[in-house]
Amino acid sequence: MMQLWERLSNSAKPYIIAEIAANHNGDRLLAERLIYKAKEAGVDCVKFQSWTKISLMIQSNYDNELERTLDQFSMTEEKLVDMKQLCNQIGIEFACTPFSKREIDFLVQLGVPFIKLSSTELTNIPLLQYAGATGLTIVLSTGMGGSEEIAEAVSVLEQTGNTSIVLLHCVSVYPPKDEHVNLNNLDGLRARYPYPIGFSDHTIGTAIPIAAAAKGARVIEKHFTLDKGLPGWDHQVSATPEEMTQIVTDVGRIQSALGSFDRRLSEEEERNRAFFRRSVVAAREIQAGKVIDYDDLDTKRPGTGLSPRLIGQIVGKAATRTIGFDELLSISDFE
């Protein structure tokens, strides 16, 4: 299994993750349908979360309703194994977010291409150290994190000897206001760290993750649902299959359109020069021997004659022949 870091190193195409998280609502058939629909949408990876009520929250915070919800929406290891097998069968990558050391061990044994650590773990030094020590690519969301906290988290991972790191800009609000998304943070992270930068999205719709691709995000993570009206935590901020297909399509177009820093013309644009550009022509009939002034000249299509850039080399010279109105001119027509 190729690690995510290798994929990002060998391809300019952004890596798109459909974040299923708990949007399966504890229903195996719904989870399977989400995987199939994500595959149809063209994403690279589906991602679950492996938390349990024990690994997520202290028991004194439970009430009966919360405990029932956590039990319902969690995904057992057995189910995660089944989801991984289904992903293998249909040809889509499987990943998962762990919330404990035990869950990291389970995912390593399962053979995931990366470990995704959520924004909640940005200051969890022991878990960062444990994840970094696996040697797998670590994808780290930075929601709720200040610059110093992000820098410390990166340093902790690096101290494990693991520099296969991907940093995701993230705003941990569901959904955030547009003015709080701060996509320019992508540039800030890229300037500070020598690692691929991506975006974990919690906005409504498709515009913001597509814009992140235009800003150079190498990984885009978007919550995924079959129905925004389903009960649960993340359905409202999730993309439907139609929206995810749009994201995949538009991100692909943007990646192709970004092109090179160097100015390069396509063959089609080169060919269009002949039609769209202008050439120097006679603005009126010019008798042989006449000394040319600017009023004798005009510029018109096509661009197959003398370039207007050279018009200054003609003015002040004498015509070597009688030139008819609207004729294309050449340097040899003057001396």
Protein backbone atom coordinates (compact mmCIF):
# COMPACT_ATOMS: atom_id res chain seq x y z
CA MET A 1 0.00 0.00 0.00
CA MET A 2 1.48 3.33 -1.09
CA GLN A 3 1.51 5.90 1.68
CA LEU A 4 -0.22 9.22 1.13
CA TRP A 5 3.10 11.08 1.27
CA GLU A 6 4.35 9.09 -1.72
CA ARG A 7 1.17 9.82 -3.67
CA LEU A 8 1.47 13.54 -3.04
CA SER A 9 5.13 13.46 -4.02
CA ASN A 10 4.42 11.67 -7.30
CA SER A 11 1.28 13.49 -8.41
CA ALA A 12 0.16 17.10 -8.73
CA LYS A 13 -3.47 16.01 -8.43
CA PRO A 14 -5.09 16.95 -5.10
CA TYR A 15 -6.05 13.99 -2.94
CA ILE A 16 -9.76 14.13 -2.04
CA ILE A 17 -11.11 12.46 1.09
CA ALA A 18 -14.82 11.82 1.63
CA GLU A 19 -15.14 12.12 5.40
CA ILE A 20 -17.88 9.69 6.40
CA ALA A 21 -17.02 9.99 10.11
CA ALA A 22 -20.25 9.12 11.94
CA ASN A 23 -22.56 9.86 9.00
CA HIS A 24 -23.26 6.13 8.75
CA ASN A 25 -25.39 6.65 11.90
CA GLY A 26 -24.37 3.19 13.07
CA ASP A 27 -26.08 1.55 10.10
CA ARG A 28 -23.87 -0.93 8.22
CA LEU A 29 -25.93 -0.72 5.02
CA LEU A 30 -25.79 3.09 5.08
CA ALA A 31 -22.01 2.93 5.57
CA GLU A 32 -21.68 0.63 2.58
CA ARG A 33 -23.88 2.87 0.41
CA LEU A 34 -21.72 5.84 1.37
CA ILE A 35 -18.60 3.99 0.22
CA TYR A 36 -20.18 3.06 -3.12
CA LYS A 37 -21.42 6.61 -3.69
CA ALA A 38 -18.02 8.08 -2.79
CA LYS A 39 -16.41 5.76 -5.32
CA GLU A 40 -18.92 6.90 -7.96
CA ALA A 41 -18.17 10.54 -7.14
CA GLY A 42 -14.48 9.93 -7.91
CA VAL A 43 -12.87 10.64 -4.55
CA ASP A 44 -9.56 9.03 -3.65
CA CYS A 45 -10.41 7.89 -0.14
CA VAL A 46 -13.23 7.39 2.34
CA LYS A 47 -12.50 8.03 5.99
CA PHE A 48 -14.24 6.81 9.11
CA GLN A 49 -13.62 7.52 12.80
CA SER A 50 -12.76 4.76 15.26
CA TRP A 51 -13.76 6.39 18.56
CA THR A 52 -15.82 4.70 21.23
CA LYS A 53 -17.56 6.27 24.20
CA ILE A 54 -14.63 5.05 26.32
CA SER A 55 -11.91 6.63 24.15
CA LEU A 56 -13.82 9.86 23.49
CA MET A 57 -15.14 11.25 26.77
CA ILE A 58 -15.07 10.76 30.54
CA GLN A 59 -18.05 8.81 31.83
CA SER A 60 -19.15 11.55 34.24
CA ASN A 61 -20.07 13.64 31.17
CA TYR A 62 -22.57 11.08 29.94
CA ASP A 63 -26.26 11.34 30.32
CA ASN A 64 -28.49 8.53 29.11
CA GLU A 65 -29.24 10.16 25.76
CA LEU A 66 -25.60 11.01 25.01
CA GLU A 67 -24.50 7.50 25.94
CA ARG A 68 -27.09 5.96 23.63
CA THR A 69 -26.00 8.32 20.82
CA LEU A 70 -22.33 7.48 21.27
CA ASP A 71 -23.09 3.77 21.28
CA GLN A 72 -25.21 4.11 18.12
CA PHE A 73 -22.83 6.29 16.11
CA SER A 74 -19.56 4.55 16.97
CA MET A 75 -18.09 2.00 14.56
CA THR A 76 -16.77 -1.27 15.99
CA GLU A 77 -13.45 -2.71 14.90
CA GLU A 78 -15.30 -5.59 13.25
CA LYS A 79 -17.35 -3.20 11.14
CA LEU A 80 -14.26 -1.17 10.24
CA VAL A 81 -12.57 -4.35 9.02
CA ASP A 82 -15.60 -5.01 6.83
CA MET A 83 -15.53 -1.45 5.48
CA LYS A 84 -11.83 -1.79 4.66
CA GLN A 85 -12.51 -5.04 2.79
CA LEU A 86 -15.30 -3.42 0.79
CA CYS A 87 -13.00 -0.52 -0.12
CA ASN A 88 -10.37 -3.01 -1.29
CA GLN A 89 -12.96 -4.79 -3.43
CA ILE A 90 -14.23 -1.71 -5.26
CA GLY A 91 -10.91 0.13 -5.51
CA ILE A 92 -11.06 3.09 -3.16
CA GLU A 93 -8.69 3.81 -0.28
CA PHE A 94 -9.83 3.40 3.31
CA ALA A 95 -8.65 5.56 6.19
CA CYS A 96 -9.79 6.26 9.72
CA THR A 97 -9.24 8.78 12.51
CA PRO A 98 -8.10 7.20 15.79
CA PHE A 99 -8.62 8.69 19.25
CA SER A 100 -6.45 6.37 21.32
CA LYS A 101 -3.21 4.39 21.13
CA ARG A 102 -5.16 1.14 20.86
CA GLU A 103 -7.02 2.51 17.85
CA ILE A 104 -3.73 3.56 16.22
CA ASP A 105 -2.40 0.01 16.66
CA PHE A 106 -5.57 -1.37 15.10
CA LEU A 107 -5.29 0.92 12.06
CA VAL A 108 -1.62 0.09 11.54
CA GLN A 109 -2.51 -3.62 11.50
CA LEU A 110 -5.40 -2.88 9.14
CA GLY A 111 -2.98 -1.31 6.64
CA VAL A 112 -4.16 2.26 6.23
CA PRO A 113 -2.22 4.64 3.92
CA PHE A 114 -2.02 7.35 6.59
CA ILE A 115 -3.06 8.24 10.14
CA LYS A 116 -5.42 11.20 10.31
CA LEU A 117 -5.39 13.05 13.62
CA SER A 118 -8.28 15.40 14.20
CA SER A 119 -8.01 18.98 15.41
CA THR A 120 -8.94 17.76 18.89
CA GLU A 121 -5.55 16.01 19.12
CA LEU A 122 -3.40 19.01 18.17
CA THR A 123 -2.25 19.45 21.79
CA ASN A 124 -2.38 15.74 22.70
CA ILE A 125 1.37 15.26 22.89
CA PRO A 126 1.32 11.57 23.91
CA LEU A 127 -0.97 10.62 21.01
CA LEU A 128 1.07 12.70 18.56
CA GLN A 129 4.22 10.91 19.69
CA TYR A 130 2.59 7.50 19.40
CA ALA A 131 1.19 8.22 15.95
CA GLY A 132 4.47 9.69 14.71
CA ALA A 133 6.36 6.62 15.84
CA THR A 134 4.34 4.40 13.49
CA GLY A 135 6.26 5.85 10.56
CA LEU A 136 3.03 6.28 8.61
CA THR A 137 2.14 9.59 7.00
CA ILE A 138 0.47 11.78 9.62
CA VAL A 139 -2.34 14.03 8.39
CA LEU A 140 -2.95 16.62 11.09
CA SER A 141 -5.88 19.04 11.21
CA THR A 142 -5.11 22.39 12.83
CA GLY A 143 -8.57 23.59 13.90
CA MET A 144 -8.73 25.52 17.19
CA GLY A 145 -4.93 25.77 17.11
CA GLY A 146 -2.83 28.87 17.50
CA SER A 147 0.45 29.26 15.61
CA GLU A 148 2.54 28.16 18.60
CA GLU A 149 0.39 25.08 19.18
CA ILE A 150 0.69 24.06 15.53
CA ALA A 151 4.45 24.56 15.65
CA GLU A 152 4.72 22.46 18.81
CA ALA A 153 2.64 19.64 17.29
CA VAL A 154 4.82 19.57 14.18
CA SER A 155 7.95 19.56 16.34
CA VAL A 156 6.63 16.62 18.39
CA LEU A 157 6.02 14.61 15.22
CA GLU A 158 9.45 15.51 13.83
CA GLN A 159 11.15 14.42 17.06
CA THR A 160 9.78 10.92 16.51
CA GLY A 161 11.84 10.85 13.30
CA ASN A 162 8.68 11.12 11.20
CA THR A 163 8.73 13.91 8.63
CA SER A 164 5.98 12.39 6.48
CA ILE A 165 3.52 15.06 7.58
CA VAL A 166 0.53 16.74 5.93
CA LEU A 167 -1.00 19.80 7.59
CA LEU A 168 -4.66 20.63 7.03
CA HIS A 169 -5.97 24.11 7.57
CA CYS A 170 -9.25 23.70 9.44
CA VAL A 171 -11.86 25.82 11.21
CA SER A 172 -13.57 23.76 13.91
CA VAL A 173 -17.02 25.32 13.59
CA TYR A 174 -19.92 23.52 11.90
CA PRO A 175 -20.37 25.47 9.67
CA PRO A 176 -18.05 28.49 9.96
CA LYS A 177 -18.98 31.86 8.53
CA ASP A 178 -17.24 32.57 5.23
CA GLU A 179 -15.33 35.46 6.76
CA HIS A 180 -13.88 33.09 9.36
CA VAL A 181 -12.62 30.43 6.92
CA ASN A 182 -9.34 32.29 6.24
CA LEU A 183 -8.16 30.33 3.23
CA ASN A 184 -5.07 32.53 3.17
CA ASN A 185 -3.93 30.40 6.12
CA LEU A 186 -3.02 27.84 3.46
CA ASP A 187 -0.34 30.24 2.24
CA GLY A 188 0.76 30.91 5.80
CA LEU A 189 1.21 27.22 6.60
CA ARG A 190 3.01 26.65 3.30
CA ALA A 191 5.42 29.49 4.08
CA ARG A 192 6.21 28.12 7.55
CA TYR A 193 6.49 24.39 6.93
CA PRO A 194 8.15 22.22 4.26
CA TYR A 195 5.15 19.87 4.14
CA PRO A 196 2.14 19.43 1.87
CA ILE A 197 -0.73 21.67 2.93
CA GLY A 198 -4.41 20.82 2.65
CA PHE A 199 -7.88 21.82 3.81
CA SER A 200 -10.40 20.09 6.06
CA ASP A 201 -13.71 21.69 5.18
CA HIS A 202 -16.80 22.32 7.33
CA THR A 203 -18.52 24.89 5.12
CA ILE A 204 -21.84 24.51 3.35
CA GLY A 205 -21.70 23.72 -0.38
CA THR A 206 -18.84 23.27 -2.81
CA ALA A 207 -17.36 26.74 -3.35
CA ILE A 208 -14.86 26.86 -0.47
CA PRO A 209 -13.14 23.48 -0.97
CA ILE A 210 -12.89 24.24 -4.68
CA ALA A 211 -11.33 27.61 -3.83
CA ALA A 212 -8.89 25.79 -1.54
CA ALA A 213 -7.76 23.76 -4.53
CA ALA A 214 -7.15 27.00 -6.41
CA LYS A 215 -5.02 28.12 -3.44
CA GLY A 216 -2.89 25.01 -3.87
CA ALA A 217 -4.37 22.63 -1.29
CA ARG A 218 -2.85 19.18 -1.90
CA VAL A 219 -5.41 17.35 0.25
CA ILE A 220 -9.08 18.24 0.51
CA GLU A 221 -11.26 16.59 3.14
CA LYS A 222 -15.03 17.10 2.98
CA HIS A 223 -17.75 15.48 5.07
CA PHE A 224 -19.97 13.20 3.00
CA THR A 225 -23.63 12.20 3.33
CA LEU A 226 -26.45 10.77 1.27
CA ASP A 227 -28.98 13.15 2.79
CA LYS A 228 -28.36 16.44 4.63
CA GLY A 229 -31.63 15.91 6.50
CA LEU A 230 -30.58 12.70 8.25
CA PRO A 231 -30.28 12.80 12.06
CA GLY A 232 -26.73 13.06 13.33
CA TRP A 233 -23.89 15.50 13.86
CA ASP A 234 -22.34 16.34 10.50
CA HIS A 235 -24.94 15.79 7.78
CA GLN A 236 -25.73 19.50 7.38
CA VAL A 237 -22.12 20.44 6.61
CA SER A 238 -21.57 17.40 4.39
CA ALA A 239 -21.50 17.13 0.62
CA THR A 240 -24.12 15.05 -1.12
CA PRO A 241 -22.99 12.64 -3.86
CA GLU A 242 -23.87 15.27 -6.45
CA GLU A 243 -21.88 17.95 -4.63
CA MET A 244 -18.91 15.63 -4.12
CA THR A 245 -18.91 14.79 -7.81
CA GLN A 246 -18.86 18.54 -8.53
CA ILE A 247 -15.94 19.05 -6.14
CA VAL A 248 -13.94 16.23 -7.74
CA THR A 249 -14.66 17.53 -11.25
CA ASP A 250 -13.89 21.17 -10.49
CA VAL A 251 -10.78 20.39 -8.44
CA GLY A 252 -9.49 18.34 -11.37
CA ARG A 253 -10.14 21.23 -13.76
CA ILE A 254 -8.46 23.70 -11.42
CA GLN A 255 -5.40 21.48 -11.05
CA SER A 256 -5.07 21.33 -14.83
CA ALA A 257 -5.70 25.06 -15.19
CA LEU A 258 -3.09 26.13 -12.61
CA GLY A 259 -0.31 25.04 -14.94
CA SER A 260 3.16 26.53 -14.69
CA PHE A 261 4.77 29.63 -13.22
CA ASP A 262 6.56 30.04 -16.56
CA ARG A 263 4.73 31.80 -19.38
CA ARG A 264 3.93 29.11 -21.94
CA LEU A 265 1.60 29.21 -24.93
CA SER A 266 -0.34 26.19 -26.06
CA GLU A 267 -0.20 25.12 -29.70
CA GLU A 268 -3.78 26.35 -30.08
CA GLU A 269 -2.87 29.81 -28.79
CA GLU A 270 0.20 29.93 -31.02
CA ARG A 271 -1.99 29.18 -34.03
CA ASN A 272 -4.44 31.92 -33.05
CA ARG A 273 -1.73 34.55 -33.43
CA ALA A 274 -2.14 34.45 -37.21
CA PHE A 275 -5.84 35.30 -37.00
CA PHE A 276 -6.22 37.52 -33.95
CA ARG A 277 -3.08 39.65 -34.07
CA ARG A 278 -2.65 42.67 -36.32
CA SER A 279 -0.18 43.51 -39.06
CA VAL A 280 0.99 46.84 -40.50
CA VAL A 281 -1.02 47.82 -43.60
CA ALA A 282 -1.20 50.85 -45.90
CA ALA A 283 -3.78 53.35 -44.62
CA ARG A 284 -4.00 54.74 -48.20
CA GLU A 285 -2.24 54.29 -51.51
CA ILE A 286 1.47 55.05 -51.12
CA GLN A 287 3.49 56.08 -54.16
CA ALA A 288 6.95 54.65 -54.73
CA GLY A 289 9.60 56.94 -53.23
CA LYS A 290 7.29 58.58 -50.67
CA VAL A 291 8.81 59.05 -47.21
CA ILE A 292 6.52 57.29 -44.78
CA ASP A 293 4.81 59.00 -41.85
CA TYR A 294 2.44 57.54 -39.29
CA ASP A 295 -0.67 58.68 -41.18
CA ASP A 296 0.34 56.40 -44.05
CA LEU A 297 0.06 53.33 -41.87
CA ASP A 298 -2.62 51.39 -40.04
CA THR A 299 -2.82 48.02 -38.25
CA LYS A 300 -5.38 45.32 -39.05
CA ARG A 301 -5.91 41.58 -38.93
CA PRO A 302 -4.58 39.04 -39.84
CA GLY A 303 -1.29 38.78 -37.99
CA THR A 304 0.61 37.20 -40.88
CA GLY A 305 2.41 40.37 -41.98
CA LEU A 306 4.74 42.88 -40.38
CA SER A 307 4.26 43.14 -36.62
CA PRO A 308 3.04 46.53 -35.25
CA ARG A 309 6.04 46.31 -32.89
CA LEU A 310 8.21 47.25 -35.93
CA ILE A 311 6.19 50.24 -37.12
CA GLY A 312 8.83 52.64 -35.81
CA GLN A 313 11.37 51.10 -38.20
CA ILE A 314 9.21 52.02 -41.20
CA VAL A 315 8.39 55.64 -40.41
CA GLY A 316 10.92 57.97 -42.08
CA LYS A 317 11.89 55.48 -44.80
CA ALA A 318 10.97 55.68 -48.49
CA ALA A 319 8.62 53.23 -50.19
CA THR A 320 10.41 50.99 -52.70
CA ARG A 321 7.21 50.42 -54.67
CA THR A 322 3.71 51.75 -55.06
CA ILE A 323 1.62 50.17 -52.34
CA GLY A 324 -2.14 49.81 -52.59
CA PHE A 325 -4.64 50.69 -49.85
CA ASP A 326 -4.97 47.99 -47.14
CA GLU A 327 -1.99 45.96 -48.40
CA LEU A 328 0.03 44.00 -45.87
CA LEU A 329 3.51 45.48 -45.62
CA SER A 330 6.99 44.02 -45.15
CA ILE A 331 10.39 45.50 -44.32
CA SER A 332 11.49 45.04 -47.95
CA ASP A 333 8.84 47.58 -49.04
CA PHE A 334 10.97 50.40 -47.57
CA GLU A 335 14.54 51.65 -47.73
